Amino acid sequence: MKTVFVMIKCELGKTYNVAATIADDIPEVRSVYSTSGNYDLLAQFQLGSDQEIGRFIANTVQTVAGVKDTYTIIGLNAFTDDTPATGPDGI
């Protein structure tokens, strides 16, 4: 598995639409955050080992209506377990 973080700059007034489309329509998404600064959103994707990162970004993320620009960060190593925490009764 490959973890990829993508900072996304949106067209003016399109940030919430872009976030909703990514969250609803891209199965590889793990989280989408609104951010301040040069980019509007930060999305985390988990790709299969057979998926090409550049092709995924170009064909899937950059083609979402309202996306103006992207900046990709490749996660090399996870220092935390991304399994949801559970309580003593498994919830």
PDB file of N, CA and C in Angstrom:
ATOM      1  N   MET A   1       0.838  -1.185   0.000  1.00  0.00           N
ATOM      2  CA  MET A   1       0.000   0.000   0.000  1.00  0.00           C
ATOM      3  C   MET A   1       0.882   1.247   0.000  1.00  0.00           C
ATOM      4  N   LYS A   2       0.378   2.286  -0.653  1.00  0.00           N
ATOM      5  CA  LYS A   2       1.091   3.556  -0.728  1.00  0.00           C
ATOM      6  C   LYS A   2       0.201   4.646  -0.147  1.00  0.00           C
ATOM      7  N   THR A   3       0.764   5.463   0.735  1.00  0.00           N
ATOM      8  CA  THR A   3       0.037   6.597   1.289  1.00  0.00           C
ATOM      9  C   THR A   3       0.488   7.857   0.570  1.00  0.00           C
ATOM     10  N   VAL A   4      -0.495   8.623   0.094  1.00  0.00           N
ATOM     11  CA  VAL A   4      -0.219   9.848  -0.656  1.00  0.00           C
ATOM     12  C   VAL A   4      -1.074  10.967  -0.062  1.00  0.00           C
ATOM     13  N   PHE A   5      -0.435  12.095   0.207  1.00  0.00           N
ATOM     14  CA  PHE A   5      -1.137  13.288   0.663  1.00  0.00           C
ATOM     15  C   PHE A   5      -1.134  14.278  -0.488  1.00  0.00           C
ATOM     16  N   VAL A   6      -2.291  14.857  -0.778  1.00  0.00           N
ATOM     17  CA  VAL A   6      -2.378  15.805  -1.889  1.00  0.00           C
ATOM     18  C   VAL A   6      -2.960  17.111  -1.376  1.00  0.00           C
ATOM     19  N   MET A   7      -2.192  18.174  -1.526  1.00  0.00           N
ATOM     20  CA  MET A   7      -2.674  19.508  -1.219  1.00  0.00           C
ATOM     21  C   MET A   7      -3.365  20.008  -2.485  1.00  0.00           C
ATOM     22  N   ILE A   8      -4.572  20.537  -2.319  1.00  0.00           N
ATOM     23  CA  ILE A   8      -5.402  20.893  -3.470  1.00  0.00           C
ATOM     24  C   ILE A   8      -5.799  22.357  -3.402  1.00  0.00           C
ATOM     25  N   LYS A   9      -5.530  23.073  -4.492  1.00  0.00           N
ATOM     26  CA  LYS A   9      -5.985  24.448  -4.639  1.00  0.00           C
ATOM     27  C   LYS A   9      -7.242  24.398  -5.505  1.00  0.00           C
ATOM     28  N   CYS A  10      -8.305  25.048  -5.048  1.00  0.00           N
ATOM     29  CA  CYS A  10      -9.587  24.995  -5.750  1.00  0.00           C
ATOM     30  C   CYS A  10      -9.893  26.330  -6.423  1.00  0.00           C
ATOM     31  N   GLU A  11     -10.766  26.257  -7.426  1.00  0.00           N
ATOM     32  CA  GLU A  11     -11.290  27.478  -8.018  1.00  0.00           C
ATOM     33  C   GLU A  11     -12.099  28.205  -6.950  1.00  0.00           C
ATOM     34  N   LEU A  12     -12.168  29.526  -7.043  1.00  0.00           N
ATOM     35  CA  LEU A  12     -12.884  30.311  -6.040  1.00  0.00           C
ATOM     36  C   LEU A  12     -14.330  29.825  -5.901  1.00  0.00           C
ATOM     37  N   GLY A  13     -14.735  29.614  -4.670  1.00  0.00           N
ATOM     38  CA  GLY A  13     -16.099  29.200  -4.381  1.00  0.00           C
ATOM     39  C   GLY A  13     -16.391  27.723  -4.593  1.00  0.00           C
ATOM     40  N   LYS A  14     -15.384  26.923  -4.922  1.00  0.00           N
ATOM     41  CA  LYS A  14     -15.607  25.509  -5.237  1.00  0.00           C
ATOM     42  C   LYS A  14     -15.055  24.532  -4.195  1.00  0.00           C
ATOM     43  N   THR A  15     -14.476  25.027  -3.116  1.00  0.00           N
ATOM     44  CA  THR A  15     -13.799  24.161  -2.151  1.00  0.00           C
ATOM     45  C   THR A  15     -14.708  23.081  -1.578  1.00  0.00           C
ATOM     46  N   TYR A  16     -15.898  23.456  -1.144  1.00  0.00           N
ATOM     47  CA  TYR A  16     -16.795  22.470  -0.531  1.00  0.00           C
ATOM     48  C   TYR A  16     -17.286  21.445  -1.551  1.00  0.00           C
ATOM     49  N   ASN A  17     -17.509  21.875  -2.782  1.00  0.00           N
ATOM     50  CA  ASN A  17     -17.911  20.933  -3.836  1.00  0.00           C
ATOM     51  C   ASN A  17     -16.799  19.940  -4.138  1.00  0.00           C
ATOM     52  N   VAL A  18     -15.566  20.430  -4.207  1.00  0.00           N
ATOM     53  CA  VAL A  18     -14.419  19.559  -4.469  1.00  0.00           C
ATOM     54  C   VAL A  18     -14.258  18.558  -3.329  1.00  0.00           C
ATOM     55  N   ALA A  19     -14.327  19.032  -2.097  1.00  0.00           N
ATOM     56  CA  ALA A  19     -14.186  18.141  -0.940  1.00  0.00           C
ATOM     57  C   ALA A  19     -15.262  17.060  -0.946  1.00  0.00           C
ATOM     58  N   ALA A  20     -16.492  17.430  -1.245  1.00  0.00           N
ATOM     59  CA  ALA A  20     -17.589  16.461  -1.267  1.00  0.00           C
ATOM     60  C   ALA A  20     -17.384  15.430  -2.373  1.00  0.00           C
ATOM     61  N   THR A  21     -16.956  15.870  -3.534  1.00  0.00           N
ATOM     62  CA  THR A  21     -16.722  14.942  -4.643  1.00  0.00           C
ATOM     63  C   THR A  21     -15.622  13.953  -4.303  1.00  0.00           C
ATOM     64  N   ILE A  22     -14.530  14.448  -3.736  1.00  0.00           N
ATOM     65  CA  ILE A  22     -13.422  13.562  -3.364  1.00  0.00           C
ATOM     66  C   ILE A  22     -13.883  12.561  -2.303  1.00  0.00           C
ATOM     67  N   ALA A  23     -14.569  13.047  -1.274  1.00  0.00           N
ATOM     68  CA  ALA A  23     -15.012  12.179  -0.180  1.00  0.00           C
ATOM     69  C   ALA A  23     -16.026  11.141  -0.652  1.00  0.00           C
ATOM     70  N   ASP A  24     -16.900  11.519  -1.578  1.00  0.00           N
ATOM     71  CA  ASP A  24     -17.984  10.637  -2.001  1.00  0.00           C
ATOM     72  C   ASP A  24     -17.631   9.722  -3.170  1.00  0.00           C
ATOM     73  N   ASP A  25     -16.737  10.170  -4.048  1.00  0.00           N
ATOM     74  CA  ASP A  25     -16.545   9.472  -5.320  1.00  0.00           C
ATOM     75  C   ASP A  25     -15.204   8.782  -5.524  1.00  0.00           C
ATOM     76  N   ILE A  26     -14.238   9.021  -4.649  1.00  0.00           N
ATOM     77  CA  ILE A  26     -12.913   8.413  -4.833  1.00  0.00           C
ATOM     78  C   ILE A  26     -12.695   7.397  -3.715  1.00  0.00           C
ATOM     79  N   PRO A  27     -12.766   6.105  -4.033  1.00  0.00           N
ATOM     80  CA  PRO A  27     -12.681   5.069  -3.000  1.00  0.00           C
ATOM     81  C   PRO A  27     -11.349   5.046  -2.238  1.00  0.00           C
ATOM     82  N   GLU A  28     -10.291   5.533  -2.830  1.00  0.00           N
ATOM     83  CA  GLU A  28      -8.968   5.497  -2.198  1.00  0.00           C
ATOM     84  C   GLU A  28      -8.780   6.568  -1.125  1.00  0.00           C
ATOM     85  N   VAL A  29      -9.739   7.497  -0.994  1.00  0.00           N
ATOM     86  CA  VAL A  29      -9.592   8.586  -0.026  1.00  0.00           C
ATOM     87  C   VAL A  29      -9.711   8.052   1.401  1.00  0.00           C
ATOM     88  N   ARG A  30      -8.875   8.556   2.291  1.00  0.00           N
ATOM     89  CA  ARG A  30      -8.930   8.209   3.704  1.00  0.00           C
ATOM     90  C   ARG A  30      -9.396   9.393   4.535  1.00  0.00           C
ATOM     91  N   SER A  31      -9.048  10.622   4.124  1.00  0.00           N
ATOM     92  CA  SER A  31      -9.488  11.817   4.837  1.00  0.00           C
ATOM     93  C   SER A  31      -9.337  13.029   3.937  1.00  0.00           C
ATOM     94  N   VAL A  32     -10.168  14.044   4.208  1.00  0.00           N
ATOM     95  CA  VAL A  32     -10.098  15.323   3.492  1.00  0.00           C
ATOM     96  C   VAL A  32     -10.243  16.422   4.535  1.00  0.00           C
ATOM     97  N   TYR A  33      -9.304  17.352   4.549  1.00  0.00           N
ATOM     98  CA  TYR A  33      -9.306  18.456   5.508  1.00  0.00           C
ATOM     99  C   TYR A  33      -9.320  19.786   4.776  1.00  0.00           C
ATOM    100  N   SER A  34     -10.034  20.754   5.321  1.00  0.00           N
ATOM    101  CA  SER A  34      -9.936  22.132   4.882  1.00  0.00           C
ATOM    102  C   SER A  34      -8.674  22.711   5.522  1.00  0.00           C
ATOM    103  N   THR A  35      -7.925  23.495   4.777  1.00  0.00           N
ATOM    104  CA  THR A  35      -6.688  24.055   5.305  1.00  0.00           C
ATOM    105  C   THR A  35      -6.619  25.558   5.038  1.00  0.00           C
ATOM    106  N   SER A  36      -5.729  26.223   5.743  1.00  0.00           N
ATOM    107  CA  SER A  36      -5.476  27.635   5.483  1.00  0.00           C
ATOM    108  C   SER A  36      -4.130  27.741   4.774  1.00  0.00           C
ATOM    109  N   GLY A  37      -3.913  28.842   4.123  1.00  0.00           N
ATOM    110  CA  GLY A  37      -2.632  29.036   3.436  1.00  0.00           C
ATOM    111  C   GLY A  37      -2.793  28.970   1.923  1.00  0.00           C
ATOM    112  N   ASN A  38      -1.767  28.471   1.255  1.00  0.00           N
ATOM    113  CA  ASN A  38      -1.750  28.467  -0.207  1.00  0.00           C
ATOM    114  C   ASN A  38      -2.685  27.448  -0.841  1.00  0.00           C
ATOM    115  N   TYR A  39      -3.069  26.433  -0.095  1.00  0.00           N
ATOM    116  CA  TYR A  39      -3.953  25.394  -0.618  1.00  0.00           C
ATOM    117  C   TYR A  39      -5.221  25.344   0.221  1.00  0.00           C
ATOM    118  N   ASP A  40      -6.306  24.878  -0.381  1.00  0.00           N
ATOM    119  CA  ASP A  40      -7.612  24.871   0.269  1.00  0.00           C
ATOM    120  C   ASP A  40      -7.931  23.564   0.983  1.00  0.00           C
ATOM    121  N   LEU A  41      -7.415  22.448   0.451  1.00  0.00           N
ATOM    122  CA  LEU A  41      -7.726  21.128   0.995  1.00  0.00           C
ATOM    123  C   LEU A  41      -6.468  20.288   1.116  1.00  0.00           C
ATOM    124  N   LEU A  42      -6.499  19.355   2.058  1.00  0.00           N
ATOM    125  CA  LEU A  42      -5.461  18.341   2.177  1.00  0.00           C
ATOM    126  C   LEU A  42      -6.179  17.001   2.206  1.00  0.00           C
ATOM    127  N   ALA A  43      -5.885  16.153   1.223  1.00  0.00           N
ATOM    128  CA  ALA A  43      -6.532  14.846   1.140  1.00  0.00           C
ATOM    129  C   ALA A  43      -5.486  13.750   1.289  1.00  0.00           C
ATOM    130  N   GLN A  44      -5.855  12.711   2.020  1.00  0.00           N
ATOM    131  CA  GLN A  44      -4.991  11.536   2.170  1.00  0.00           C
ATOM    132  C   GLN A  44      -5.622  10.397   1.381  1.00  0.00           C
ATOM    133  N   PHE A  45      -4.793   9.735   0.568  1.00  0.00           N
ATOM    134  CA  PHE A  45      -5.241   8.598  -0.223  1.00  0.00           C
ATOM    135  C   PHE A  45      -4.384   7.385   0.098  1.00  0.00           C
ATOM    136  N   GLN A  46      -4.987   6.221   0.065  1.00  0.00           N
ATOM    137  CA  GLN A  46      -4.273   4.959   0.246  1.00  0.00           C
ATOM    138  C   GLN A  46      -4.402   4.203  -1.074  1.00  0.00           C
ATOM    139  N   LEU A  47      -3.270   4.052  -1.770  1.00  0.00           N
ATOM    140  CA  LEU A  47      -3.269   3.390  -3.066  1.00  0.00           C
ATOM    141  C   LEU A  47      -2.741   1.974  -2.941  1.00  0.00           C
ATOM    142  N   GLY A  48      -3.221   1.114  -3.800  1.00  0.00           N
ATOM    143  CA  GLY A  48      -2.705  -0.244  -3.857  1.00  0.00           C
ATOM    144  C   GLY A  48      -1.297  -0.246  -4.416  1.00  0.00           C
ATOM    145  N   SER A  49      -0.542  -1.287  -4.111  1.00  0.00           N
ATOM    146  CA  SER A  49       0.851  -1.349  -4.564  1.00  0.00           C
ATOM    147  C   SER A  49       0.962  -1.391  -6.086  1.00  0.00           C
ATOM    148  N   ASP A  50      -0.112  -1.756  -6.773  1.00  0.00           N
ATOM    149  CA  ASP A  50      -0.090  -1.812  -8.230  1.00  0.00           C
ATOM    150  C   ASP A  50      -0.532  -0.499  -8.874  1.00  0.00           C
ATOM    151  N   GLN A  51      -0.989   0.483  -8.076  1.00  0.00           N
ATOM    152  CA  GLN A  51      -1.445   1.754  -8.622  1.00  0.00           C
ATOM    153  C   GLN A  51      -0.281   2.719  -8.786  1.00  0.00           C
ATOM    154  N   GLU A  52      -0.204   3.363  -9.930  1.00  0.00           N
ATOM    155  CA  GLU A  52       0.829   4.354 -10.211  1.00  0.00           C
ATOM    156  C   GLU A  52       0.378   5.709  -9.661  1.00  0.00           C
ATOM    157  N   ILE A  53       1.186   6.310  -8.805  1.00  0.00           N
ATOM    158  CA  ILE A  53       0.813   7.547  -8.120  1.00  0.00           C
ATOM    159  C   ILE A  53       0.539   8.678  -9.108  1.00  0.00           C
ATOM    160  N   GLY A  54       1.440   8.920 -10.019  1.00  0.00           N
ATOM    161  CA  GLY A  54       1.280  10.023 -10.966  1.00  0.00           C
ATOM    162  C   GLY A  54       0.032   9.893 -11.813  1.00  0.00           C
ATOM    163  N   ARG A  55      -0.241   8.698 -12.267  1.00  0.00           N
ATOM    164  CA  ARG A  55      -1.438   8.457 -13.080  1.00  0.00           C
ATOM    165  C   ARG A  55      -2.712   8.652 -12.246  1.00  0.00           C
ATOM    166  N   PHE A  56      -2.683   8.196 -10.978  1.00  0.00           N
ATOM    167  CA  PHE A  56      -3.832   8.375 -10.090  1.00  0.00           C
ATOM    168  C   PHE A  56      -4.115   9.867  -9.872  1.00  0.00           C
ATOM    169  N   ILE A  57      -3.080  10.640  -9.577  1.00  0.00           N
ATOM    170  CA  ILE A  57      -3.266  12.081  -9.340  1.00  0.00           C
ATOM    171  C   ILE A  57      -3.781  12.763 -10.607  1.00  0.00           C
ATOM    172  N   ALA A  58      -3.141  12.488 -11.737  1.00  0.00           N
ATOM    173  CA  ALA A  58      -3.509  13.150 -12.992  1.00  0.00           C
ATOM    174  C   ALA A  58      -4.905  12.761 -13.473  1.00  0.00           C
ATOM    175  N   ASN A  59      -5.253  11.497 -13.354  1.00  0.00           N
ATOM    176  CA  ASN A  59      -6.519  11.019 -13.925  1.00  0.00           C
ATOM    177  C   ASN A  59      -7.694  11.042 -12.955  1.00  0.00           C
ATOM    178  N   THR A  60      -7.407  11.051 -11.663  1.00  0.00           N
ATOM    179  CA  THR A  60      -8.494  10.963 -10.683  1.00  0.00           C
ATOM    180  C   THR A  60      -8.664  12.259  -9.898  1.00  0.00           C
ATOM    181  N   VAL A  61      -7.592  12.766  -9.307  1.00  0.00           N
ATOM    182  CA  VAL A  61      -7.705  13.952  -8.446  1.00  0.00           C
ATOM    183  C   VAL A  61      -7.779  15.236  -9.274  1.00  0.00           C
ATOM    184  N   GLN A  62      -6.880  15.397 -10.219  1.00  0.00           N
ATOM    185  CA  GLN A  62      -6.835  16.646 -10.985  1.00  0.00           C
ATOM    186  C   GLN A  62      -8.016  16.820 -11.927  1.00  0.00           C
ATOM    187  N   THR A  63      -8.767  15.766 -12.188  1.00  0.00           N
ATOM    188  CA  THR A  63      -9.916  15.876 -13.082  1.00  0.00           C
ATOM    189  C   THR A  63     -11.214  16.183 -12.341  1.00  0.00           C
ATOM    190  N   VAL A  64     -11.165  16.278 -11.006  1.00  0.00           N
ATOM    191  CA  VAL A  64     -12.359  16.662 -10.248  1.00  0.00           C
ATOM    192  C   VAL A  64     -12.697  18.112 -10.596  1.00  0.00           C
ATOM    193  N   ALA A  65     -13.964  18.353 -10.919  1.00  0.00           N
ATOM    194  CA  ALA A  65     -14.397  19.707 -11.266  1.00  0.00           C
ATOM    195  C   ALA A  65     -14.097  20.671 -10.124  1.00  0.00           C
ATOM    196  N   GLY A  66     -13.440  21.788 -10.435  1.00  0.00           N
ATOM    197  CA  GLY A  66     -13.109  22.797  -9.434  1.00  0.00           C
ATOM    198  C   GLY A  66     -11.694  22.727  -8.915  1.00  0.00           C
ATOM    199  N   VAL A  67     -10.948  21.663  -9.258  1.00  0.00           N
ATOM    200  CA  VAL A  67      -9.545  21.569  -8.840  1.00  0.00           C
ATOM    201  C   VAL A  67      -8.711  22.444  -9.769  1.00  0.00           C
ATOM    202  N   LYS A  68      -7.926  23.324  -9.171  1.00  0.00           N
ATOM    203  CA  LYS A  68      -7.101  24.266  -9.934  1.00  0.00           C
ATOM    204  C   LYS A  68      -5.637  23.835  -9.976  1.00  0.00           C
ATOM    205  N   ASP A  69      -5.138  23.271  -8.852  1.00  0.00           N
ATOM    206  CA  ASP A  69      -3.725  22.900  -8.757  1.00  0.00           C
ATOM    207  C   ASP A  69      -3.579  21.865  -7.648  1.00  0.00           C
ATOM    208  N   THR A  70      -2.541  21.040  -7.742  1.00  0.00           N
ATOM    209  CA  THR A  70      -2.264  20.059  -6.691  1.00  0.00           C
ATOM    210  C   THR A  70      -0.778  20.036  -6.363  1.00  0.00           C
ATOM    211  N   TYR A  71      -0.475  19.584  -5.162  1.00  0.00           N
ATOM    212  CA  TYR A  71       0.893  19.378  -4.710  1.00  0.00           C
ATOM    213  C   TYR A  71       0.890  18.047  -3.966  1.00  0.00           C
ATOM    214  N   THR A  72       1.671  17.097  -4.438  1.00  0.00           N
ATOM    215  CA  THR A  72       1.633  15.737  -3.912  1.00  0.00           C
ATOM    216  C   THR A  72       2.806  15.456  -2.984  1.00  0.00           C
ATOM    217  N   ILE A  73       2.500  14.823  -1.853  1.00  0.00           N
ATOM    218  CA  ILE A  73       3.512  14.393  -0.890  1.00  0.00           C
ATOM    219  C   ILE A  73       3.347  12.886  -0.721  1.00  0.00           C
ATOM    220  N   ILE A  74       4.415  12.146  -0.909  1.00  0.00           N
ATOM    221  CA  ILE A  74       4.373  10.695  -0.787  1.00  0.00           C
ATOM    222  C   ILE A  74       4.809  10.306   0.617  1.00  0.00           C
ATOM    223  N   GLY A  75       3.958   9.547   1.311  1.00  0.00           N
ATOM    224  CA  GLY A  75       4.299   9.061   2.647  1.00  0.00           C
ATOM    225  C   GLY A  75       5.221   7.854   2.528  1.00  0.00           C
ATOM    226  N   LEU A  76       6.382   7.910   3.156  1.00  0.00           N
ATOM    227  CA  LEU A  76       7.360   6.834   3.054  1.00  0.00           C
ATOM    228  C   LEU A  76       7.232   5.808   4.169  1.00  0.00           C
ATOM    229  N   ASN A  77       6.878   6.254   5.378  1.00  0.00           N
ATOM    230  CA  ASN A  77       6.839   5.348   6.515  1.00  0.00           C
ATOM    231  C   ASN A  77       5.811   5.863   7.515  1.00  0.00           C
ATOM    232  N   ALA A  78       4.970   4.971   8.016  1.00  0.00           N
ATOM    233  CA  ALA A  78       3.988   5.348   9.033  1.00  0.00           C
ATOM    234  C   ALA A  78       4.548   5.028  10.411  1.00  0.00           C
ATOM    235  N   PHE A  79       4.513   5.998  11.304  1.00  0.00           N
ATOM    236  CA  PHE A  79       5.004   5.793  12.666  1.00  0.00           C
ATOM    237  C   PHE A  79       3.863   5.534  13.639  1.00  0.00           C
ATOM    238  N   THR A  80       2.637   5.581  13.140  1.00  0.00           N
ATOM    239  CA  THR A  80       1.482   5.292  13.968  1.00  0.00           C
ATOM    240  C   THR A  80       0.627   4.240  13.281  1.00  0.00           C
ATOM    241  N   ASP A  81      -0.139   3.530  14.056  1.00  0.00           N
ATOM    242  CA  ASP A  81      -1.055   2.533  13.534  1.00  0.00           C
ATOM    243  C   ASP A  81      -2.323   3.248  13.093  1.00  0.00           C
ATOM    244  N   ASP A  82      -2.757   3.033  11.857  1.00  0.00           N
ATOM    245  CA  ASP A  82      -3.967   3.720  11.382  1.00  0.00           C
ATOM    246  C   ASP A  82      -5.224   2.888  11.589  1.00  0.00           C
ATOM    247  N   THR A  83      -5.130   1.850  12.407  1.00  0.00           N
ATOM    248  CA  THR A  83      -6.309   1.062  12.763  1.00  0.00           C
ATOM    249  C   THR A  83      -7.107   1.831  13.803  1.00  0.00           C
ATOM    250  N   PRO A  84      -8.438   1.936  13.637  1.00  0.00           N
ATOM    251  CA  PRO A  84      -9.231   2.680  14.621  1.00  0.00           C
ATOM    252  C   PRO A  84      -9.089   2.103  16.018  1.00  0.00           C
ATOM    253  N   ALA A  85      -8.999   2.986  16.988  1.00  0.00           N
ATOM    254  CA  ALA A  85      -8.902   2.564  18.384  1.00  0.00           C
ATOM    255  C   ALA A  85     -10.235   1.994  18.836  1.00  0.00           C
ATOM    256  N   THR A  86     -10.192   0.973  19.662  1.00  0.00           N
ATOM    257  CA  THR A  86     -11.416   0.392  20.212  1.00  0.00           C
ATOM    258  C   THR A  86     -11.312   0.315  21.718  1.00  0.00           C
ATOM    259  N   GLY A  87     -12.470   0.363  22.352  1.00  0.00           N
ATOM    260  CA  GLY A  87     -12.533   0.260  23.805  1.00  0.00           C
ATOM    261  C   GLY A  87     -12.522  -1.182  24.242  1.00  0.00           C
ATOM    262  N   PRO A  88     -12.673  -1.434  25.533  1.00  0.00           N
ATOM    263  CA  PRO A  88     -12.595  -2.791  26.065  1.00  0.00           C
ATOM    264  C   PRO A  88     -13.668  -3.730  25.507  1.00  0.00           C
ATOM    265  N   ASP A  89     -14.810  -3.175  25.091  1.00  0.00           N
ATOM    266  CA  ASP A  89     -15.874  -4.026  24.560  1.00  0.00           C
ATOM    267  C   ASP A  89     -15.853  -4.094  23.039  1.00  0.00           C
ATOM    268  N   GLY A  90     -14.746  -3.629  22.402  1.00  0.00           N
ATOM    269  CA  GLY A  90     -14.600  -3.694  20.956  1.00  0.00           C
ATOM    270  C   GLY A  90     -15.256  -2.566  20.189  1.00  0.00           C
ATOM    271  N   ILE A  91     -15.746  -1.552  20.890  1.00  0.00           N
ATOM    272  CA  ILE A  91     -16.415  -0.418  20.222  1.00  0.00           C
ATOM    273  C   ILE A  91     -15.509   0.794  20.254  1.00  0.00           C
TER     274      ILE A  91
END
